[in-house]
Amino acid sequence: MAKAKSKAKPKAKPKAAPRLPGDPNASQAVAQMLRVDHAGEYGAVRIYEGQLAVLGKSKAAPVIQHMLDQEKQHLEKFEQLVGERRARPTALLPFWHLAGFALGAGTALLGEKAAMACTVAVEEVIDEHYAEQIADLTAHDEEPELRDTFEAFRQEELAHRQTGLDHGAEAAPGYAALTGAVKAGSRLAIWLSTRI
């Protein structure tokens, strides 16, 4: 007698909350994602440029330069997507230009470990942010290529976080306070860039 084969049920996709009246439609939601991600990658480039302005001759310089190069690739991709999708960049780019550089240079002036603590804090927030976007697109079964881009960039941001930890971030003076402030500022920047 042949054994009956058990059929495993396919894994169910997460259920998305239905879009309600007043919620952005799919196209508007993607435009908001691109706007905030473009702003975030722009800010990350400026943070690393600020760090290199202070630590450009230190032993940490090649590590920071590598992370900067990856962030520039991310920014280039989002500039392409913003153009292709005709998404409006945030009006706050001039502010992020100054604030990102100031954050990078300011933490670098506190030392290499503080600069790495800044990296850890920013990348933790960016990881959460990309994960939320990926979950939203997955739940609505939308934009598979964009989801893949977000996931690839998310993995590189996680690698930057690990680099910061590997280079002594947690030994920075006032690590908890410093990373807490940077995370709060990063979350505020995301909130503002999504809307403005």
C-alpha atoms as a PDB file:
ATOM      1  CA  MET A   1       0.000   0.000   0.000  1.00  0.00           C
ATOM      2  CA  ALA A   2       1.434   3.370  -1.024  1.00  0.00           C
ATOM      3  CA  LYS A   3       1.822   5.988   1.652  1.00  0.00           C
ATOM      4  CA  ALA A   4      -0.201   9.114   1.205  1.00  0.00           C
ATOM      5  CA  LYS A   5       2.024  12.094   0.649  1.00  0.00           C
ATOM      6  CA  SER A   6       1.427  14.961   2.983  1.00  0.00           C
ATOM      7  CA  LYS A   7       1.264  18.259   1.217  1.00  0.00           C
ATOM      8  CA  ALA A   8       2.726  21.174   3.091  1.00  0.00           C
ATOM      9  CA  LYS A   9       0.661  24.299   2.869  1.00  0.00           C
ATOM     10  CA  PRO A  10       2.428  27.174   1.151  1.00  0.00           C
ATOM     11  CA  LYS A  11       3.623  29.861   3.492  1.00  0.00           C
ATOM     12  CA  ALA A  12       1.007  32.585   3.735  1.00  0.00           C
ATOM     13  CA  LYS A  13       2.015  36.136   2.912  1.00  0.00           C
ATOM     14  CA  PRO A  14       1.576  38.647   5.708  1.00  0.00           C
ATOM     15  CA  LYS A  15      -1.803  40.305   5.496  1.00  0.00           C
ATOM     16  CA  ALA A  16      -1.661  43.988   4.784  1.00  0.00           C
ATOM     17  CA  ALA A  17      -4.010  46.367   6.410  1.00  0.00           C
ATOM     18  CA  PRO A  18      -6.273  47.633   3.659  1.00  0.00           C
ATOM     19  CA  ARG A  19      -5.555  51.111   2.424  1.00  0.00           C
ATOM     20  CA  LEU A  20      -8.163  53.431   3.859  1.00  0.00           C
ATOM     21  CA  PRO A  21      -9.569  56.613   2.342  1.00  0.00           C
ATOM     22  CA  GLY A  22      -6.943  59.300   2.831  1.00  0.00           C
ATOM     23  CA  ASP A  23      -4.066  56.801   2.876  1.00  0.00           C
ATOM     24  CA  PRO A  24      -1.536  57.157   0.081  1.00  0.00           C
ATOM     25  CA  ASN A  25      -2.247  54.869  -2.857  1.00  0.00           C
ATOM     26  CA  ALA A  26       0.445  52.408  -3.981  1.00  0.00           C
ATOM     27  CA  SER A  27       2.160  54.936  -6.239  1.00  0.00           C
ATOM     28  CA  GLN A  28       2.127  57.655  -3.578  1.00  0.00           C
ATOM     29  CA  ALA A  29       3.428  55.238  -0.940  1.00  0.00           C
ATOM     30  CA  VAL A  30       6.355  54.279  -3.168  1.00  0.00           C
ATOM     31  CA  ALA A  31       7.075  57.959  -3.894  1.00  0.00           C
ATOM     32  CA  GLN A  32       7.232  58.626  -0.135  1.00  0.00           C
ATOM     33  CA  MET A  33       9.572  55.653   0.324  1.00  0.00           C
ATOM     34  CA  LEU A  34      11.870  56.884  -2.416  1.00  0.00           C
ATOM     35  CA  ARG A  35      11.844  60.442  -1.054  1.00  0.00           C
ATOM     36  CA  VAL A  36      12.833  59.398   2.447  1.00  0.00           C
ATOM     37  CA  ASP A  37      15.366  56.789   1.310  1.00  0.00           C
ATOM     38  CA  HIS A  38      17.004  59.276  -1.051  1.00  0.00           C
ATOM     39  CA  ALA A  39      17.234  61.761   1.821  1.00  0.00           C
ATOM     40  CA  GLY A  40      18.600  59.088   4.158  1.00  0.00           C
ATOM     41  CA  GLU A  41      21.328  57.995   1.791  1.00  0.00           C
ATOM     42  CA  TYR A  42      22.179  61.633   1.089  1.00  0.00           C
ATOM     43  CA  GLY A  43      22.485  62.233   4.828  1.00  0.00           C
ATOM     44  CA  ALA A  44      24.625  59.103   5.267  1.00  0.00           C
ATOM     45  CA  VAL A  45      27.034  60.294   2.572  1.00  0.00           C
ATOM     46  CA  ARG A  46      27.331  63.628   4.370  1.00  0.00           C
ATOM     47  CA  ILE A  47      27.894  61.933   7.760  1.00  0.00           C
ATOM     48  CA  TYR A  48      30.793  59.886   6.411  1.00  0.00           C
ATOM     49  CA  GLU A  49      32.196  62.910   4.585  1.00  0.00           C
ATOM     50  CA  GLY A  50      32.115  64.798   7.889  1.00  0.00           C
ATOM     51  CA  GLN A  51      33.872  61.940   9.650  1.00  0.00           C
ATOM     52  CA  LEU A  52      36.575  61.814   6.967  1.00  0.00           C
ATOM     53  CA  ALA A  53      37.087  65.582   7.195  1.00  0.00           C
ATOM     54  CA  VAL A  54      38.230  65.001  10.783  1.00  0.00           C
ATOM     55  CA  LEU A  55      39.618  61.454  10.658  1.00  0.00           C
ATOM     56  CA  GLY A  56      40.973  61.417   7.095  1.00  0.00           C
ATOM     57  CA  LYS A  57      44.521  60.620   8.237  1.00  0.00           C
ATOM     58  CA  SER A  58      43.596  58.196  11.001  1.00  0.00           C
ATOM     59  CA  LYS A  59      43.710  54.414  10.919  1.00  0.00           C
ATOM     60  CA  ALA A  60      39.895  54.467  10.699  1.00  0.00           C
ATOM     61  CA  ALA A  61      39.951  56.426   7.413  1.00  0.00           C
ATOM     62  CA  PRO A  62      39.974  53.410   5.029  1.00  0.00           C
ATOM     63  CA  VAL A  63      37.053  51.828   6.907  1.00  0.00           C
ATOM     64  CA  ILE A  64      35.050  55.049   6.790  1.00  0.00           C
ATOM     65  CA  GLN A  65      35.935  55.534   3.115  1.00  0.00           C
ATOM     66  CA  HIS A  66      34.645  52.038   2.295  1.00  0.00           C
ATOM     67  CA  MET A  67      31.323  52.749   4.000  1.00  0.00           C
ATOM     68  CA  LEU A  68      31.135  56.133   2.252  1.00  0.00           C
ATOM     69  CA  ASP A  69      31.685  54.490  -1.126  1.00  0.00           C
ATOM     70  CA  GLN A  70      28.796  52.083  -0.498  1.00  0.00           C
ATOM     71  CA  GLU A  71      26.520  54.925   0.634  1.00  0.00           C
ATOM     72  CA  LYS A  72      27.376  56.822  -2.560  1.00  0.00           C
ATOM     73  CA  GLN A  73      26.249  53.785  -4.577  1.00  0.00           C
ATOM     74  CA  HIS A  74      22.984  53.699  -2.610  1.00  0.00           C
ATOM     75  CA  LEU A  75      22.464  57.428  -3.207  1.00  0.00           C
ATOM     76  CA  GLU A  76      23.158  57.042  -6.920  1.00  0.00           C
ATOM     77  CA  LYS A  77      20.508  54.303  -7.157  1.00  0.00           C
ATOM     78  CA  PHE A  78      17.930  56.421  -5.333  1.00  0.00           C
ATOM     79  CA  GLU A  79      18.704  59.435  -7.507  1.00  0.00           C
ATOM     80  CA  GLN A  80      17.995  57.203 -10.512  1.00  0.00           C
ATOM     81  CA  LEU A  81      14.755  55.870  -9.001  1.00  0.00           C
ATOM     82  CA  VAL A  82      13.540  59.326  -7.949  1.00  0.00           C
ATOM     83  CA  GLY A  83      14.042  60.502 -11.523  1.00  0.00           C
ATOM     84  CA  GLU A  84      12.456  57.454 -13.147  1.00  0.00           C
ATOM     85  CA  ARG A  85       9.441  57.495 -10.849  1.00  0.00           C
ATOM     86  CA  ARG A  86       9.154  61.291 -10.883  1.00  0.00           C
ATOM     87  CA  ALA A  87       9.167  61.284  -7.093  1.00  0.00           C
ATOM     88  CA  ARG A  88       9.721  64.609  -5.388  1.00  0.00           C
ATOM     89  CA  PRO A  89      12.897  64.756  -3.291  1.00  0.00           C
ATOM     90  CA  THR A  90      12.528  66.170   0.190  1.00  0.00           C
ATOM     91  CA  ALA A  91      12.647  69.944   0.471  1.00  0.00           C
ATOM     92  CA  LEU A  92      14.956  69.428   3.449  1.00  0.00           C
ATOM     93  CA  LEU A  93      18.034  68.357   1.418  1.00  0.00           C
ATOM     94  CA  PRO A  94      19.888  71.652   2.102  1.00  0.00           C
ATOM     95  CA  PHE A  95      19.343  71.103   5.825  1.00  0.00           C
ATOM     96  CA  TRP A  96      20.455  67.446   5.670  1.00  0.00           C
ATOM     97  CA  HIS A  97      23.530  68.620   3.726  1.00  0.00           C
ATOM     98  CA  LEU A  98      24.638  70.670   6.732  1.00  0.00           C
ATOM     99  CA  ALA A  99      23.232  68.492   9.507  1.00  0.00           C
ATOM    100  CA  GLY A 100      24.719  65.252   8.155  1.00  0.00           C
ATOM    101  CA  PHE A 101      28.191  66.750   7.813  1.00  0.00           C
ATOM    102  CA  ALA A 102      27.950  68.355  11.261  1.00  0.00           C
ATOM    103  CA  LEU A 103      26.900  65.062  12.852  1.00  0.00           C
ATOM    104  CA  GLY A 104      29.742  63.189  11.190  1.00  0.00           C
ATOM    105  CA  ALA A 105      32.392  65.793  11.976  1.00  0.00           C
ATOM    106  CA  GLY A 106      31.047  66.380  15.487  1.00  0.00           C
ATOM    107  CA  THR A 107      31.153  62.734  16.475  1.00  0.00           C
ATOM    108  CA  ALA A 108      34.577  62.318  14.838  1.00  0.00           C
ATOM    109  CA  LEU A 109      35.904  65.223  16.927  1.00  0.00           C
ATOM    110  CA  LEU A 110      34.982  63.129  19.973  1.00  0.00           C
ATOM    111  CA  GLY A 111      37.244  60.359  18.624  1.00  0.00           C
ATOM    112  CA  GLU A 112      37.193  57.327  16.365  1.00  0.00           C
ATOM    113  CA  LYS A 113      35.064  55.297  18.765  1.00  0.00           C
ATOM    114  CA  ALA A 114      32.431  58.048  18.939  1.00  0.00           C
ATOM    115  CA  ALA A 115      32.354  58.196  15.132  1.00  0.00           C
ATOM    116  CA  MET A 116      31.791  54.431  15.092  1.00  0.00           C
ATOM    117  CA  ALA A 117      29.064  54.800  17.738  1.00  0.00           C
ATOM    118  CA  CYS A 118      27.351  57.285  15.423  1.00  0.00           C
ATOM    119  CA  THR A 119      27.543  54.708  12.628  1.00  0.00           C
ATOM    120  CA  VAL A 120      26.023  52.004  14.836  1.00  0.00           C
ATOM    121  CA  ALA A 121      23.137  54.252  15.892  1.00  0.00           C
ATOM    122  CA  VAL A 122      22.307  55.509  12.402  1.00  0.00           C
ATOM    123  CA  GLU A 123      22.517  52.056  10.854  1.00  0.00           C
ATOM    124  CA  GLU A 124      20.253  50.505  13.502  1.00  0.00           C
ATOM    125  CA  VAL A 125      17.552  53.041  12.674  1.00  0.00           C
ATOM    126  CA  ILE A 126      18.058  52.563   8.925  1.00  0.00           C
ATOM    127  CA  ASP A 127      17.788  48.783   9.367  1.00  0.00           C
ATOM    128  CA  GLU A 128      14.431  49.208  11.139  1.00  0.00           C
ATOM    129  CA  HIS A 129      13.266  51.640   8.465  1.00  0.00           C
ATOM    130  CA  TYR A 130      14.166  49.434   5.499  1.00  0.00           C
ATOM    131  CA  ALA A 131      12.640  46.399   7.259  1.00  0.00           C
ATOM    132  CA  GLU A 132       9.329  48.280   7.677  1.00  0.00           C
ATOM    133  CA  GLN A 133       9.314  49.292   4.017  1.00  0.00           C
ATOM    134  CA  ILE A 134      10.094  45.745   2.893  1.00  0.00           C
ATOM    135  CA  ALA A 135       7.314  44.372   5.104  1.00  0.00           C
ATOM    136  CA  ASP A 136       4.826  46.903   3.711  1.00  0.00           C
ATOM    137  CA  LEU A 137       5.676  46.110   0.095  1.00  0.00           C
ATOM    138  CA  THR A 138       5.597  42.368   0.820  1.00  0.00           C
ATOM    139  CA  ALA A 139       2.256  42.579   2.584  1.00  0.00           C
ATOM    140  CA  HIS A 140       0.705  44.419  -0.365  1.00  0.00           C
ATOM    141  CA  ASP A 141       2.519  42.137  -2.844  1.00  0.00           C
ATOM    142  CA  GLU A 142       3.996  45.170  -4.592  1.00  0.00           C
ATOM    143  CA  GLU A 143       7.275  46.213  -6.218  1.00  0.00           C
ATOM    144  CA  PRO A 144       9.401  43.028  -5.999  1.00  0.00           C
ATOM    145  CA  GLU A 145      12.447  44.705  -7.608  1.00  0.00           C
ATOM    146  CA  LEU A 146      12.257  47.631  -5.222  1.00  0.00           C
ATOM    147  CA  ARG A 147      11.958  45.218  -2.277  1.00  0.00           C
ATOM    148  CA  ASP A 148      15.118  43.462  -3.475  1.00  0.00           C
ATOM    149  CA  THR A 149      16.949  46.794  -3.690  1.00  0.00           C
ATOM    150  CA  PHE A 150      15.842  47.745  -0.186  1.00  0.00           C
ATOM    151  CA  GLU A 151      16.945  44.357   1.155  1.00  0.00           C
ATOM    152  CA  ALA A 152      20.355  44.534  -0.532  1.00  0.00           C
ATOM    153  CA  PHE A 153      20.951  48.006   0.892  1.00  0.00           C
ATOM    154  CA  ARG A 154      19.634  46.922   4.303  1.00  0.00           C
ATOM    155  CA  GLN A 155      22.225  44.136   4.416  1.00  0.00           C
ATOM    156  CA  GLU A 156      25.019  46.612   3.649  1.00  0.00           C
ATOM    157  CA  GLU A 157      23.742  48.955   6.373  1.00  0.00           C
ATOM    158  CA  LEU A 158      23.810  46.036   8.822  1.00  0.00           C
ATOM    159  CA  ALA A 159      27.403  45.357   7.764  1.00  0.00           C
ATOM    160  CA  HIS A 160      28.238  49.014   8.512  1.00  0.00           C
ATOM    161  CA  ARG A 161      26.668  48.624  11.953  1.00  0.00           C
ATOM    162  CA  GLN A 162      28.824  45.561  12.584  1.00  0.00           C
ATOM    163  CA  THR A 163      31.900  47.438  11.366  1.00  0.00           C
ATOM    164  CA  GLY A 164      31.179  50.145  13.922  1.00  0.00           C
ATOM    165  CA  LEU A 165      30.877  47.566  16.689  1.00  0.00           C
ATOM    166  CA  ASP A 166      34.048  45.800  15.529  1.00  0.00           C
ATOM    167  CA  HIS A 167      35.932  49.109  15.701  1.00  0.00           C
ATOM    168  CA  GLY A 168      35.102  49.899  19.315  1.00  0.00           C
ATOM    169  CA  ALA A 169      31.831  51.847  19.122  1.00  0.00           C
ATOM    170  CA  GLU A 170      30.641  50.536  22.486  1.00  0.00           C
ATOM    171  CA  ALA A 171      33.807  51.851  24.145  1.00  0.00           C
ATOM    172  CA  ALA A 172      32.957  55.440  23.159  1.00  0.00           C
ATOM    173  CA  PRO A 173      32.492  57.751  26.156  1.00  0.00           C
ATOM    174  CA  GLY A 174      28.785  58.114  26.866  1.00  0.00           C
ATOM    175  CA  TYR A 175      27.903  55.407  24.324  1.00  0.00           C
ATOM    176  CA  ALA A 176      24.303  54.963  25.496  1.00  0.00           C
ATOM    177  CA  ALA A 177      23.552  58.699  25.568  1.00  0.00           C
ATOM    178  CA  LEU A 178      25.331  59.350  22.277  1.00  0.00           C
ATOM    179  CA  THR A 179      23.621  56.536  20.378  1.00  0.00           C
ATOM    180  CA  GLY A 180      20.267  57.401  21.949  1.00  0.00           C
ATOM    181  CA  ALA A 181      20.540  60.998  20.741  1.00  0.00           C
ATOM    182  CA  VAL A 182      21.667  59.969  17.255  1.00  0.00           C
ATOM    183  CA  LYS A 183      18.835  57.427  16.968  1.00  0.00           C
ATOM    184  CA  ALA A 184      16.253  60.009  18.051  1.00  0.00           C
ATOM    185  CA  GLY A 185      17.602  62.491  15.513  1.00  0.00           C
ATOM    186  CA  SER A 186      17.629  59.847  12.767  1.00  0.00           C
ATOM    187  CA  ARG A 187      14.022  58.861  13.464  1.00  0.00           C
ATOM    188  CA  LEU A 188      12.988  62.519  13.386  1.00  0.00           C
ATOM    189  CA  ALA A 189      14.828  62.983  10.078  1.00  0.00           C
ATOM    190  CA  ILE A 190      12.942  60.008   8.599  1.00  0.00           C
ATOM    191  CA  TRP A 191       9.605  61.344   9.828  1.00  0.00           C
ATOM    192  CA  LEU A 192      10.267  64.824   8.415  1.00  0.00           C
ATOM    193  CA  SER A 193      11.676  63.628   5.089  1.00  0.00           C
ATOM    194  CA  THR A 194       8.670  61.397   4.487  1.00  0.00           C
ATOM    195  CA  ARG A 195       6.367  64.393   4.805  1.00  0.00           C
ATOM    196  CA  ILE A 196       8.279  67.462   3.609  1.00  0.00           C
END
